[in-house]
Amino acid sequence: MKSEQYQGKVKQYDADKGYGFIASPEGEVFFHISDFPAAEGEPKRNERVKFMVVDNGGKFKAVRIERVEDQSAKAKKSKVATHNQSITSSLLSNFRK
């Protein structure tokens, strides 16, 4: 792997051990929670990320991990459904007053 930015999805994360793996087209890459942006909470399975890779004793490790907004059709549909549900709830709460 070269010194460039890669993209992938969180394949698994073990909160007790503080590490997990990212699946990318180039293969699975190890990551430690300390390299994940903590302000946005713990990593979730299938969460899209971009990252840099460093050599970690002959194996690859993801560093400078950033979350990427999911632009897939499924994610967009889910966002629209959530938005519509919040509008409906707001309208119904106004109607009940």
Protein backbone atom coordinates (compact mmCIF):
# COMPACT_ATOMS: atom_id res chain seq x y z
CA MET A 1 0.00 0.00 0.00
CA LYS A 2 1.26 3.43 -0.93
CA SER A 3 1.25 6.63 1.10
CA GLU A 4 -2.17 7.82 -0.04
CA GLN A 5 -5.68 7.99 1.27
CA TYR A 6 -7.85 4.88 1.07
CA GLN A 7 -11.56 4.30 1.60
CA GLY A 8 -13.38 1.39 3.14
CA LYS A 9 -15.98 0.27 5.66
CA VAL A 10 -15.56 -0.74 9.27
CA LYS A 11 -15.78 -4.53 9.11
CA GLN A 12 -15.59 -5.20 12.83
CA TYR A 13 -14.74 -3.39 16.05
CA ASP A 14 -14.17 -4.83 19.52
CA ALA A 15 -14.88 -2.09 22.07
CA ASP A 16 -13.40 -4.13 24.95
CA LYS A 17 -10.06 -4.53 23.15
CA GLY A 18 -10.11 -1.11 21.43
CA TYR A 19 -9.33 -2.25 17.90
CA GLY A 20 -10.97 -3.47 14.74
CA PHE A 21 -10.59 -3.93 11.00
CA ILE A 22 -11.52 -1.90 7.95
CA ALA A 23 -12.45 -3.69 4.73
CA SER A 24 -11.17 -1.93 1.61
CA PRO A 25 -10.64 -2.96 -2.01
CA GLU A 26 -6.94 -3.44 -1.18
CA GLY A 27 -7.71 -5.82 1.71
CA GLU A 28 -8.40 -5.69 5.44
CA VAL A 29 -6.54 -3.11 7.49
CA PHE A 30 -6.12 -3.10 11.29
CA PHE A 31 -7.05 0.04 13.23
CA HIS A 32 -6.78 1.10 16.86
CA ILE A 33 -9.44 3.26 18.49
CA SER A 34 -6.83 5.95 19.20
CA ASP A 35 -6.61 6.59 15.44
CA PHE A 36 -10.39 7.04 15.13
CA PRO A 37 -12.08 10.44 15.65
CA ALA A 38 -13.35 10.09 19.23
CA ALA A 39 -15.58 13.17 19.19
CA GLU A 40 -18.10 11.37 16.99
CA GLY A 41 -18.40 8.21 19.09
CA GLU A 42 -17.19 4.66 18.58
CA PRO A 43 -16.94 3.10 15.13
CA LYS A 44 -19.97 1.23 13.86
CA ARG A 45 -20.05 -1.78 11.58
CA ASN A 46 -20.35 -0.83 7.87
CA GLU A 47 -19.53 2.82 8.61
CA ARG A 48 -17.68 4.37 5.67
CA VAL A 49 -14.24 5.83 6.41
CA LYS A 50 -11.17 7.20 4.68
CA PHE A 51 -7.70 6.68 6.12
CA MET A 52 -3.96 6.64 5.61
CA VAL A 53 -1.90 3.45 5.99
CA VAL A 54 1.41 2.91 7.79
CA ASP A 55 3.64 -0.13 8.10
CA ASN A 56 3.26 -1.59 11.59
CA GLY A 57 5.90 -4.29 11.97
CA GLY A 58 5.28 -5.87 8.58
CA LYS A 59 1.50 -5.43 8.75
CA PHE A 60 -0.62 -2.47 7.71
CA LYS A 61 -2.35 -0.15 10.16
CA ALA A 62 -4.95 2.53 9.40
CA VAL A 63 -4.18 5.98 10.82
CA ARG A 64 -5.77 9.44 10.50
CA ILE A 65 -9.16 7.84 10.06
CA GLU A 66 -12.05 10.09 9.06
CA ARG A 67 -15.72 9.27 8.71
CA VAL A 68 -17.24 9.64 5.25
CA GLU A 69 -20.89 10.42 4.71
CA ASP A 70 -22.60 7.48 3.05
CA GLN A 71 -23.84 8.58 -0.38
CA SER A 72 -25.43 5.27 -1.38
CA ALA A 73 -29.06 5.14 -2.51
CA LYS A 74 -29.97 3.09 0.57
CA ALA A 75 -28.47 5.71 2.92
CA LYS A 76 -30.21 8.56 1.11
CA LYS A 77 -33.54 6.73 1.30
CA SER A 78 -33.04 6.17 5.02
CA LYS A 79 -32.25 9.88 5.57
CA VAL A 80 -35.38 10.92 3.67
CA ALA A 81 -37.53 8.49 5.69
CA THR A 82 -36.09 9.82 8.97
CA HIS A 83 -36.62 13.40 7.86
CA ASN A 84 -40.21 12.68 6.79
CA GLN A 85 -40.89 10.96 10.10
CA SER A 86 -39.65 14.00 12.05
CA ILE A 87 -41.84 16.33 9.96
CA THR A 88 -44.86 14.09 10.50
CA SER A 89 -44.22 13.95 14.26
CA SER A 90 -43.90 17.72 14.41
CA LEU A 91 -47.12 18.26 12.48
CA LEU A 92 -49.01 15.75 14.63
CA SER A 93 -47.77 17.32 17.87
CA ASN A 94 -49.00 20.74 16.64
CA PHE A 95 -52.33 19.22 15.63
CA ARG A 96 -52.90 17.66 19.06
CA LYS A 97 -52.58 21.00 20.89
